[in-house]
Amino acid sequence: RLARTDPFTQVTEMVGSGPFRFVASERVAGSRVVYARHE
């Protein structure tokens, strides 16, 4: 559902299968980005 996004349009919802999860609620632009272990 995300990969069908036009390649020249940004995907902003970060759902992957990698070892860390992107914690969108704790992102502060220009200041902080947070990741949690993908259990």
ModelCIF file with pLDDT and N, C-alpha, C, O atoms, coordinates in Angstrom:
data_MODEL
#
_entry.id   MODEL 
#
_entity.id                         1 
_entity.type                       polymer 
_entity.pdbx_number_of_molecules   1 
#
_entity_poly.entity_id                      1 
_entity_poly.type                           'polypeptide(L)' 
_entity_poly.nstd_linkage                   no 
_entity_poly.nstd_monomer                   no 
_entity_poly.pdbx_seq_one_letter_code       RLARTDPFTQVTEMVGSGPFRFVASERVAGSRVVYARHE 
_entity_poly.pdbx_seq_one_letter_code_can   RLARTDPFTQVTEMVGSGPFRFVASERVAGSRVVYARHE 
_entity_poly.pdbx_strand_id                 A 
#
loop_
_entity_poly_seq.entity_id 
_entity_poly_seq.num 
_entity_poly_seq.mon_id 
_entity_poly_seq.hetero 
1 1  ARG n 
1 2  LEU n 
1 3  ALA n 
1 4  ARG n 
1 5  THR n 
1 6  ASP n 
1 7  PRO n 
1 8  PHE n 
1 9  THR n 
1 10 GLN n 
1 11 VAL n 
1 12 THR n 
1 13 GLU n 
1 14 MET n 
1 15 VAL n 
1 16 GLY n 
1 17 SER n 
1 18 GLY n 
1 19 PRO n 
1 20 PHE n 
1 21 ARG n 
1 22 PHE n 
1 23 VAL n 
1 24 ALA n 
1 25 SER n 
1 26 GLU n 
1 27 ARG n 
1 28 VAL n 
1 29 ALA n 
1 30 GLY n 
1 31 SER n 
1 32 ARG n 
1 33 VAL n 
1 34 VAL n 
1 35 TYR n 
1 36 ALA n 
1 37 ARG n 
1 38 HIS n 
1 39 GLU n 
#
_struct_asym.id          A 
_struct_asym.entity_id   1 
#
loop_
_ma_qa_metric.id 
_ma_qa_metric.mode 
_ma_qa_metric.name 
_ma_qa_metric.software_group_id 
_ma_qa_metric.type 
1 global pLDDT . pLDDT 
2 local  pLDDT . pLDDT 
#
_ma_qa_metric_global.metric_id      1 
_ma_qa_metric_global.metric_value   96.38 
_ma_qa_metric_global.model_id       1 
_ma_qa_metric_global.ordinal_id     1 
#
loop_
_ma_qa_metric_local.label_asym_id 
_ma_qa_metric_local.label_comp_id 
_ma_qa_metric_local.label_seq_id 
_ma_qa_metric_local.metric_id 
_ma_qa_metric_local.metric_value 
_ma_qa_metric_local.model_id 
_ma_qa_metric_local.ordinal_id 
A ARG 1  2 98.00 1 1  
A LEU 2  2 98.00 1 2  
A ALA 3  2 98.00 1 3  
A ARG 4  2 97.00 1 4  
A THR 5  2 97.00 1 5  
A ASP 6  2 96.00 1 6  
A PRO 7  2 94.00 1 7  
A PHE 8  2 92.00 1 8  
A THR 9  2 94.00 1 9  
A GLN 10 2 95.00 1 10 
A VAL 11 2 96.00 1 11 
A THR 12 2 94.00 1 12 
A GLU 13 2 97.00 1 13 
A MET 14 2 97.00 1 14 
A VAL 15 2 98.00 1 15 
A GLY 16 2 98.00 1 16 
A SER 17 2 98.00 1 17 
A GLY 18 2 98.00 1 18 
A PRO 19 2 98.00 1 19 
A PHE 20 2 98.00 1 20 
A ARG 21 2 98.00 1 21 
A PHE 22 2 98.00 1 22 
A VAL 23 2 98.00 1 23 
A ALA 24 2 97.00 1 24 
A SER 25 2 97.00 1 25 
A GLU 26 2 97.00 1 26 
A ARG 27 2 96.00 1 27 
A VAL 28 2 95.00 1 28 
A ALA 29 2 91.00 1 29 
A GLY 30 2 90.00 1 30 
A SER 31 2 94.00 1 31 
A ARG 32 2 97.00 1 32 
A VAL 33 2 97.00 1 33 
A VAL 34 2 98.00 1 34 
A TYR 35 2 98.00 1 35 
A ALA 36 2 98.00 1 36 
A ARG 37 2 97.00 1 37 
A HIS 38 2 97.00 1 38 
A GLU 39 2 95.00 1 39 
#
loop_
_atom_site.group_PDB 
_atom_site.id 
_atom_site.type_symbol 
_atom_site.label_atom_id 
_atom_site.label_alt_id 
_atom_site.label_comp_id 
_atom_site.label_asym_id 
_atom_site.label_entity_id 
_atom_site.label_seq_id 
_atom_site.pdbx_PDB_ins_code 
_atom_site.Cartn_x 
_atom_site.Cartn_y 
_atom_site.Cartn_z 
_atom_site.occupancy 
_atom_site.B_iso_or_equiv 
_atom_site.pdbx_formal_charge 
_atom_site.auth_seq_id 
_atom_site.auth_comp_id 
_atom_site.auth_asym_id 
_atom_site.auth_atom_id 
_atom_site.pdbx_PDB_model_num 
ATOM 1   N N  . ARG A 1 1  ? 0.833  -1.216 0.000  1.00 98.00 ? 1  ARG A N  1 
ATOM 2   C CA . ARG A 1 1  ? 0.000  0.000  0.000  1.00 98.00 ? 1  ARG A CA 1 
ATOM 3   C C  . ARG A 1 1  ? 0.865  1.261  0.000  1.00 98.00 ? 1  ARG A C  1 
ATOM 4   O O  . ARG A 1 1  ? 0.456  2.278  -0.560 1.00 98.00 ? 1  ARG A O  1 
ATOM 5   N N  . LEU A 1 2  ? 2.043  1.219  0.612  1.00 98.00 ? 2  LEU A N  1 
ATOM 6   C CA . LEU A 1 2  ? 2.954  2.361  0.599  1.00 98.00 ? 2  LEU A CA 1 
ATOM 7   C C  . LEU A 1 2  ? 3.828  2.358  -0.657 1.00 98.00 ? 2  LEU A C  1 
ATOM 8   O O  . LEU A 1 2  ? 4.123  3.408  -1.227 1.00 98.00 ? 2  LEU A O  1 
ATOM 9   N N  . ALA A 1 3  ? 4.233  1.168  -1.073 1.00 98.00 ? 3  ALA A N  1 
ATOM 10  C CA . ALA A 1 3  ? 5.110  1.064  -2.232 1.00 98.00 ? 3  ALA A CA 1 
ATOM 11  C C  . ALA A 1 3  ? 4.401  1.456  -3.526 1.00 98.00 ? 3  ALA A C  1 
ATOM 12  O O  . ALA A 1 3  ? 5.060  1.729  -4.529 1.00 98.00 ? 3  ALA A O  1 
ATOM 13  N N  . ARG A 1 4  ? 3.087  1.487  -3.518 1.00 97.00 ? 4  ARG A N  1 
ATOM 14  C CA . ARG A 1 4  ? 2.352  1.921  -4.706 1.00 97.00 ? 4  ARG A CA 1 
ATOM 15  C C  . ARG A 1 4  ? 2.306  3.452  -4.833 1.00 97.00 ? 4  ARG A C  1 
ATOM 16  O O  . ARG A 1 4  ? 1.774  3.976  -5.811 1.00 97.00 ? 4  ARG A O  1 
ATOM 17  N N  . THR A 1 5  ? 2.853  4.154  -3.861 1.00 97.00 ? 5  THR A N  1 
ATOM 18  C CA . THR A 1 5  ? 2.952  5.608  -3.950 1.00 97.00 ? 5  THR A CA 1 
ATOM 19  C C  . THR A 1 5  ? 3.820  6.000  -5.137 1.00 97.00 ? 5  THR A C  1 
ATOM 20  O O  . THR A 1 5  ? 4.844  5.369  -5.402 1.00 97.00 ? 5  THR A O  1 
ATOM 21  N N  . ASP A 1 6  ? 3.408  7.042  -5.850 1.00 96.00 ? 6  ASP A N  1 
ATOM 22  C CA . ASP A 1 6  ? 4.201  7.544  -6.974 1.00 96.00 ? 6  ASP A CA 1 
ATOM 23  C C  . ASP A 1 6  ? 5.654  7.736  -6.528 1.00 96.00 ? 6  ASP A C  1 
ATOM 24  O O  . ASP A 1 6  ? 5.891  8.350  -5.488 1.00 96.00 ? 6  ASP A O  1 
ATOM 25  N N  . PRO A 1 7  ? 6.633  7.228  -7.287 1.00 94.00 ? 7  PRO A N  1 
ATOM 26  C CA . PRO A 1 7  ? 8.033  7.344  -6.879 1.00 94.00 ? 7  PRO A CA 1 
ATOM 27  C C  . PRO A 1 7  ? 8.508  8.782  -6.702 1.00 94.00 ? 7  PRO A C  1 
ATOM 28  O O  . PRO A 1 7  ? 9.498  9.025  -6.013 1.00 94.00 ? 7  PRO A O  1 
ATOM 29  N N  . PHE A 1 8  ? 7.815  9.735  -7.316 1.00 92.00 ? 8  PHE A N  1 
ATOM 30  C CA . PHE A 1 8  ? 8.210  11.137 -7.213 1.00 92.00 ? 8  PHE A CA 1 
ATOM 31  C C  . PHE A 1 8  ? 7.384  11.886 -6.180 1.00 92.00 ? 8  PHE A C  1 
ATOM 32  O O  . PHE A 1 8  ? 7.430  13.114 -6.107 1.00 92.00 ? 8  PHE A O  1 
ATOM 33  N N  . THR A 1 9  ? 6.616  11.127 -5.368 1.00 94.00 ? 9  THR A N  1 
ATOM 34  C CA . THR A 1 9  ? 5.885  11.670 -4.228 1.00 94.00 ? 9  THR A CA 1 
ATOM 35  C C  . THR A 1 9  ? 6.440  11.022 -2.965 1.00 94.00 ? 9  THR A C  1 
ATOM 36  O O  . THR A 1 9  ? 6.647  9.809  -2.934 1.00 94.00 ? 9  THR A O  1 
ATOM 37  N N  . GLN A 1 10 ? 6.680  11.805 -1.935 1.00 95.00 ? 10 GLN A N  1 
ATOM 38  C CA . GLN A 1 10 ? 7.298  11.266 -0.732 1.00 95.00 ? 10 GLN A CA 1 
ATOM 39  C C  . GLN A 1 10 ? 6.338  10.393 0.061  1.00 95.00 ? 10 GLN A C  1 
ATOM 40  O O  . GLN A 1 10 ? 5.172  10.739 0.247  1.00 95.00 ? 10 GLN A O  1 
ATOM 41  N N  . VAL A 1 11 ? 6.844  9.259  0.526  1.00 96.00 ? 11 VAL A N  1 
ATOM 42  C CA . VAL A 1 11 ? 6.158  8.442  1.520  1.00 96.00 ? 11 VAL A CA 1 
ATOM 43  C C  . VAL A 1 11 ? 6.543  8.981  2.895  1.00 96.00 ? 11 VAL A C  1 
ATOM 44  O O  . VAL A 1 11 ? 7.728  9.118  3.201  1.00 96.00 ? 11 VAL A O  1 
ATOM 45  N N  . THR A 1 12 ? 5.560  9.281  3.708  1.00 94.00 ? 12 THR A N  1 
ATOM 46  C CA . THR A 1 12 ? 5.837  9.820  5.045  1.00 94.00 ? 12 THR A CA 1 
ATOM 47  C C  . THR A 1 12 ? 5.467  8.851  6.166  1.00 94.00 ? 12 THR A C  1 
ATOM 48  O O  . THR A 1 12 ? 5.925  9.009  7.297  1.00 94.00 ? 12 THR A O  1 
ATOM 49  N N  . GLU A 1 13 ? 4.652  7.862  5.862  1.00 97.00 ? 13 GLU A N  1 
ATOM 50  C CA . GLU A 1 13 ? 4.321  6.842  6.866  1.00 97.00 ? 13 GLU A CA 1 
ATOM 51  C C  . GLU A 1 13 ? 5.406  5.774  6.821  1.00 97.00 ? 13 GLU A C  1 
ATOM 52  O O  . GLU A 1 13 ? 5.613  5.132  5.792  1.00 97.00 ? 13 GLU A O  1 
ATOM 53  N N  . MET A 1 14 ? 6.084  5.594  7.924  1.00 97.00 ? 14 MET A N  1 
ATOM 54  C CA . MET A 1 14 ? 7.235  4.700  7.955  1.00 97.00 ? 14 MET A CA 1 
ATOM 55  C C  . MET A 1 14 ? 6.849  3.346  8.556  1.00 97.00 ? 14 MET A C  1 
ATOM 56  O O  . MET A 1 14 ? 6.826  3.188  9.776  1.00 97.00 ? 14 MET A O  1 
ATOM 57  N N  . VAL A 1 15 ? 6.548  2.383  7.703  1.00 98.00 ? 15 VAL A N  1 
ATOM 58  C CA . VAL A 1 15 ? 6.267  1.012  8.126  1.00 98.00 ? 15 VAL A CA 1 
ATOM 59  C C  . VAL A 1 15 ? 7.204  0.109  7.340  1.00 98.00 ? 15 VAL A C  1 
ATOM 60  O O  . VAL A 1 15 ? 7.051  -0.056 6.130  1.00 98.00 ? 15 VAL A O  1 
ATOM 61  N N  . GLY A 1 16 ? 8.167  -0.471 8.029  1.00 98.00 ? 16 GLY A N  1 
ATOM 62  C CA . GLY A 1 16 ? 9.099  -1.384 7.398  1.00 98.00 ? 16 GLY A CA 1 
ATOM 63  C C  . GLY A 1 16 ? 9.098  -2.711 8.110  1.00 98.00 ? 16 GLY A C  1 
ATOM 64  O O  . GLY A 1 16 ? 8.213  -2.993 8.918  1.00 98.00 ? 16 GLY A O  1 
ATOM 65  N N  . SER A 1 17 ? 10.097 -3.533 7.811  1.00 98.00 ? 17 SER A N  1 
ATOM 66  C CA . SER A 1 17 ? 10.255 -4.811 8.505  1.00 98.00 ? 17 SER A CA 1 
ATOM 67  C C  . SER A 1 17 ? 11.657 -4.931 9.087  1.00 98.00 ? 17 SER A C  1 
ATOM 68  O O  . SER A 1 17 ? 12.101 -6.024 9.439  1.00 98.00 ? 17 SER A O  1 
ATOM 69  N N  . GLY A 1 18 ? 12.360 -3.788 9.186  1.00 98.00 ? 18 GLY A N  1 
ATOM 70  C CA . GLY A 1 18 ? 13.724 -3.777 9.690  1.00 98.00 ? 18 GLY A CA 1 
ATOM 71  C C  . GLY A 1 18 ? 13.808 -3.934 11.192 1.00 98.00 ? 18 GLY A C  1 
ATOM 72  O O  . GLY A 1 18 ? 12.779 -4.072 11.853 1.00 98.00 ? 18 GLY A O  1 
ATOM 73  N N  . PRO A 1 19 ? 15.007 -3.915 11.746 1.00 98.00 ? 19 PRO A N  1 
ATOM 74  C CA . PRO A 1 19 ? 15.203 -4.200 13.173 1.00 98.00 ? 19 PRO A CA 1 
ATOM 75  C C  . PRO A 1 19 ? 14.724 -3.102 14.120 1.00 98.00 ? 19 PRO A C  1 
ATOM 76  O O  . PRO A 1 19 ? 14.649 -3.326 15.329 1.00 98.00 ? 19 PRO A O  1 
ATOM 77  N N  . PHE A 1 20 ? 14.394 -1.901 13.585 1.00 98.00 ? 20 PHE A N  1 
ATOM 78  C CA . PHE A 1 20 ? 13.910 -0.808 14.424 1.00 98.00 ? 20 PHE A CA 1 
ATOM 79  C C  . PHE A 1 20 ? 12.609 -0.247 13.852 1.00 98.00 ? 20 PHE A C  1 
ATOM 80  O O  . PHE A 1 20 ? 12.389 -0.249 12.641 1.00 98.00 ? 20 PHE A O  1 
ATOM 81  N N  . ARG A 1 21 ? 11.754 0.234  14.760 1.00 98.00 ? 21 ARG A N  1 
ATOM 82  C CA . ARG A 1 21 ? 10.538 0.954  14.392 1.00 98.00 ? 21 ARG A CA 1 
ATOM 83  C C  . ARG A 1 21 ? 10.780 2.447  14.509 1.00 98.00 ? 21 ARG A C  1 
ATOM 84  O O  . ARG A 1 21 ? 11.435 2.904  15.446 1.00 98.00 ? 21 ARG A O  1 
ATOM 85  N N  . PHE A 1 22 ? 10.256 3.202  13.565 1.00 98.00 ? 22 PHE A N  1 
ATOM 86  C CA . PHE A 1 22 ? 10.297 4.659  13.621 1.00 98.00 ? 22 PHE A CA 1 
ATOM 87  C C  . PHE A 1 22 ? 9.164  5.133  14.535 1.00 98.00 ? 22 PHE A C  1 
ATOM 88  O O  . PHE A 1 22 ? 8.001  4.799  14.310 1.00 98.00 ? 22 PHE A O  1 
ATOM 89  N N  . VAL A 1 23 ? 9.507  5.915  15.570 1.00 98.00 ? 23 VAL A N  1 
ATOM 90  C CA . VAL A 1 23 ? 8.508  6.400  16.530 1.00 98.00 ? 23 VAL A CA 1 
ATOM 91  C C  . VAL A 1 23 ? 8.100  7.806  16.090 1.00 98.00 ? 23 VAL A C  1 
ATOM 92  O O  . VAL A 1 23 ? 8.692  8.804  16.501 1.00 98.00 ? 23 VAL A O  1 
ATOM 93  N N  . ALA A 1 24 ? 7.081  7.852  15.249 1.00 97.00 ? 24 ALA A N  1 
ATOM 94  C CA . ALA A 1 24 ? 6.676  9.124  14.644 1.00 97.00 ? 24 ALA A CA 1 
ATOM 95  C C  . ALA A 1 24 ? 6.215  10.134 15.675 1.00 97.00 ? 24 ALA A C  1 
ATOM 96  O O  . ALA A 1 24 ? 6.438  11.334 15.510 1.00 97.00 ? 24 ALA A O  1 
ATOM 97  N N  . SER A 1 25 ? 5.579  9.668  16.732 1.00 97.00 ? 25 SER A N  1 
ATOM 98  C CA . SER A 1 25 ? 5.015  10.577 17.733 1.00 97.00 ? 25 SER A CA 1 
ATOM 99  C C  . SER A 1 25 ? 6.087  11.351 18.493 1.00 97.00 ? 25 SER A C  1 
ATOM 100 O O  . SER A 1 25 ? 5.783  12.383 19.091 1.00 97.00 ? 25 SER A O  1 
ATOM 101 N N  . GLU A 1 26 ? 7.343  10.875 18.484 1.00 97.00 ? 26 GLU A N  1 
ATOM 102 C CA . GLU A 1 26 ? 8.411  11.535 19.225 1.00 97.00 ? 26 GLU A CA 1 
ATOM 103 C C  . GLU A 1 26 ? 9.372  12.312 18.326 1.00 97.00 ? 26 GLU A C  1 
ATOM 104 O O  . GLU A 1 26 ? 10.376 12.847 18.797 1.00 97.00 ? 26 GLU A O  1 
ATOM 105 N N  . ARG A 1 27 ? 9.062  12.371 17.047 1.00 96.00 ? 27 ARG A N  1 
ATOM 106 C CA . ARG A 1 27 ? 9.928  13.128 16.151 1.00 96.00 ? 27 ARG A CA 1 
ATOM 107 C C  . ARG A 1 27 ? 9.701  14.624 16.353 1.00 96.00 ? 27 ARG A C  1 
ATOM 108 O O  . ARG A 1 27 ? 8.564  15.096 16.361 1.00 96.00 ? 27 ARG A O  1 
ATOM 109 N N  . VAL A 1 28 ? 10.794 15.356 16.514 1.00 95.00 ? 28 VAL A N  1 
ATOM 110 C CA . VAL A 1 28 ? 10.762 16.810 16.602 1.00 95.00 ? 28 VAL A CA 1 
ATOM 111 C C  . VAL A 1 28 ? 11.659 17.326 15.486 1.00 95.00 ? 28 VAL A C  1 
ATOM 112 O O  . VAL A 1 28 ? 12.880 17.182 15.546 1.00 95.00 ? 28 VAL A O  1 
ATOM 113 N N  . ALA A 1 29 ? 11.058 17.919 14.478 1.00 91.00 ? 29 ALA A N  1 
ATOM 114 C CA . ALA A 1 29 ? 11.818 18.371 13.307 1.00 91.00 ? 29 ALA A CA 1 
ATOM 115 C C  . ALA A 1 29 ? 12.954 19.293 13.729 1.00 91.00 ? 29 ALA A C  1 
ATOM 116 O O  . ALA A 1 29 ? 12.753 20.239 14.490 1.00 91.00 ? 29 ALA A O  1 
ATOM 117 N N  . GLY A 1 30 ? 14.144 19.005 13.227 1.00 90.00 ? 30 GLY A N  1 
ATOM 118 C CA . GLY A 1 30 ? 15.305 19.814 13.539 1.00 90.00 ? 30 GLY A CA 1 
ATOM 119 C C  . GLY A 1 30 ? 15.929 19.537 14.884 1.00 90.00 ? 30 GLY A C  1 
ATOM 120 O O  . GLY A 1 30 ? 16.897 20.195 15.262 1.00 90.00 ? 30 GLY A O  1 
ATOM 121 N N  . SER A 1 31 ? 15.383 18.554 15.632 1.00 94.00 ? 31 SER A N  1 
ATOM 122 C CA . SER A 1 31 ? 15.875 18.326 16.982 1.00 94.00 ? 31 SER A CA 1 
ATOM 123 C C  . SER A 1 31 ? 16.063 16.857 17.329 1.00 94.00 ? 31 SER A C  1 
ATOM 124 O O  . SER A 1 31 ? 17.130 16.468 17.805 1.00 94.00 ? 31 SER A O  1 
ATOM 125 N N  . ARG A 1 32 ? 15.024 16.019 17.094 1.00 97.00 ? 32 ARG A N  1 
ATOM 126 C CA . ARG A 1 32 ? 15.109 14.647 17.607 1.00 97.00 ? 32 ARG A CA 1 
ATOM 127 C C  . ARG A 1 32 ? 14.363 13.680 16.703 1.00 97.00 ? 32 ARG A C  1 
ATOM 128 O O  . ARG A 1 32 ? 13.309 13.998 16.154 1.00 97.00 ? 32 ARG A O  1 
ATOM 129 N N  . VAL A 1 33 ? 14.943 12.481 16.563 1.00 97.00 ? 33 VAL A N  1 
ATOM 130 C CA . VAL A 1 33 ? 14.312 11.357 15.875 1.00 97.00 ? 33 VAL A CA 1 
ATOM 131 C C  . VAL A 1 33 ? 14.490 10.144 16.778 1.00 97.00 ? 33 VAL A C  1 
ATOM 132 O O  . VAL A 1 33 ? 15.566 9.939  17.340 1.00 97.00 ? 33 VAL A O  1 
ATOM 133 N N  . VAL A 1 34 ? 13.442 9.339  16.921 1.00 98.00 ? 34 VAL A N  1 
ATOM 134 C CA . VAL A 1 34 ? 13.475 8.224  17.871 1.00 98.00 ? 34 VAL A CA 1 
ATOM 135 C C  . VAL A 1 34 ? 13.106 6.918  17.161 1.00 98.00 ? 34 VAL A C  1 
ATOM 136 O O  . VAL A 1 34 ? 12.210 6.878  16.319 1.00 98.00 ? 34 VAL A O  1 
ATOM 137 N N  . TYR A 1 35 ? 13.822 5.857  17.527 1.00 98.00 ? 35 TYR A N  1 
ATOM 138 C CA . TYR A 1 35 ? 13.566 4.508  17.019 1.00 98.00 ? 35 TYR A CA 1 
ATOM 139 C C  . TYR A 1 35 ? 13.472 3.549  18.199 1.00 98.00 ? 35 TYR A C  1 
ATOM 140 O O  . TYR A 1 35 ? 14.166 3.711  19.203 1.00 98.00 ? 35 TYR A O  1 
ATOM 141 N N  . ALA A 1 36 ? 12.607 2.550  18.066 1.00 98.00 ? 36 ALA A N  1 
ATOM 142 C CA . ALA A 1 36 ? 12.464 1.520  19.085 1.00 98.00 ? 36 ALA A CA 1 
ATOM 143 C C  . ALA A 1 36 ? 12.729 0.156  18.463 1.00 98.00 ? 36 ALA A C  1 
ATOM 144 O O  . ALA A 1 36 ? 12.504 -0.047 17.270 1.00 98.00 ? 36 ALA A O  1 
ATOM 145 N N  . ARG A 1 37 ? 13.198 -0.752 19.260 1.00 97.00 ? 37 ARG A N  1 
ATOM 146 C CA . ARG A 1 37 ? 13.467 -2.110 18.781 1.00 97.00 ? 37 ARG A CA 1 
ATOM 147 C C  . ARG A 1 37 ? 12.195 -2.739 18.215 1.00 97.00 ? 37 ARG A C  1 
ATOM 148 O O  . ARG A 1 37 ? 11.131 -2.656 18.827 1.00 97.00 ? 37 ARG A O  1 
ATOM 149 N N  . HIS A 1 38 ? 12.309 -3.366 17.044 1.00 97.00 ? 38 HIS A N  1 
ATOM 150 C CA . HIS A 1 38 ? 11.194 -4.118 16.459 1.00 97.00 ? 38 HIS A CA 1 
ATOM 151 C C  . HIS A 1 38 ? 11.192 -5.500 17.103 1.00 97.00 ? 38 HIS A C  1 
ATOM 152 O O  . HIS A 1 38 ? 11.989 -6.365 16.740 1.00 97.00 ? 38 HIS A O  1 
ATOM 153 N N  . GLU A 1 39 ? 10.293 -5.700 18.057 1.00 95.00 ? 39 GLU A N  1 
ATOM 154 C CA . GLU A 1 39 ? 10.295 -6.913 18.858 1.00 95.00 ? 39 GLU A CA 1 
ATOM 155 C C  . GLU A 1 39 ? 10.065 -8.170 18.029 1.00 95.00 ? 39 GLU A C  1 
ATOM 156 O O  . GLU A 1 39 ? 10.041 -9.273 18.575 1.00 95.00 ? 39 GLU A O  1 
#
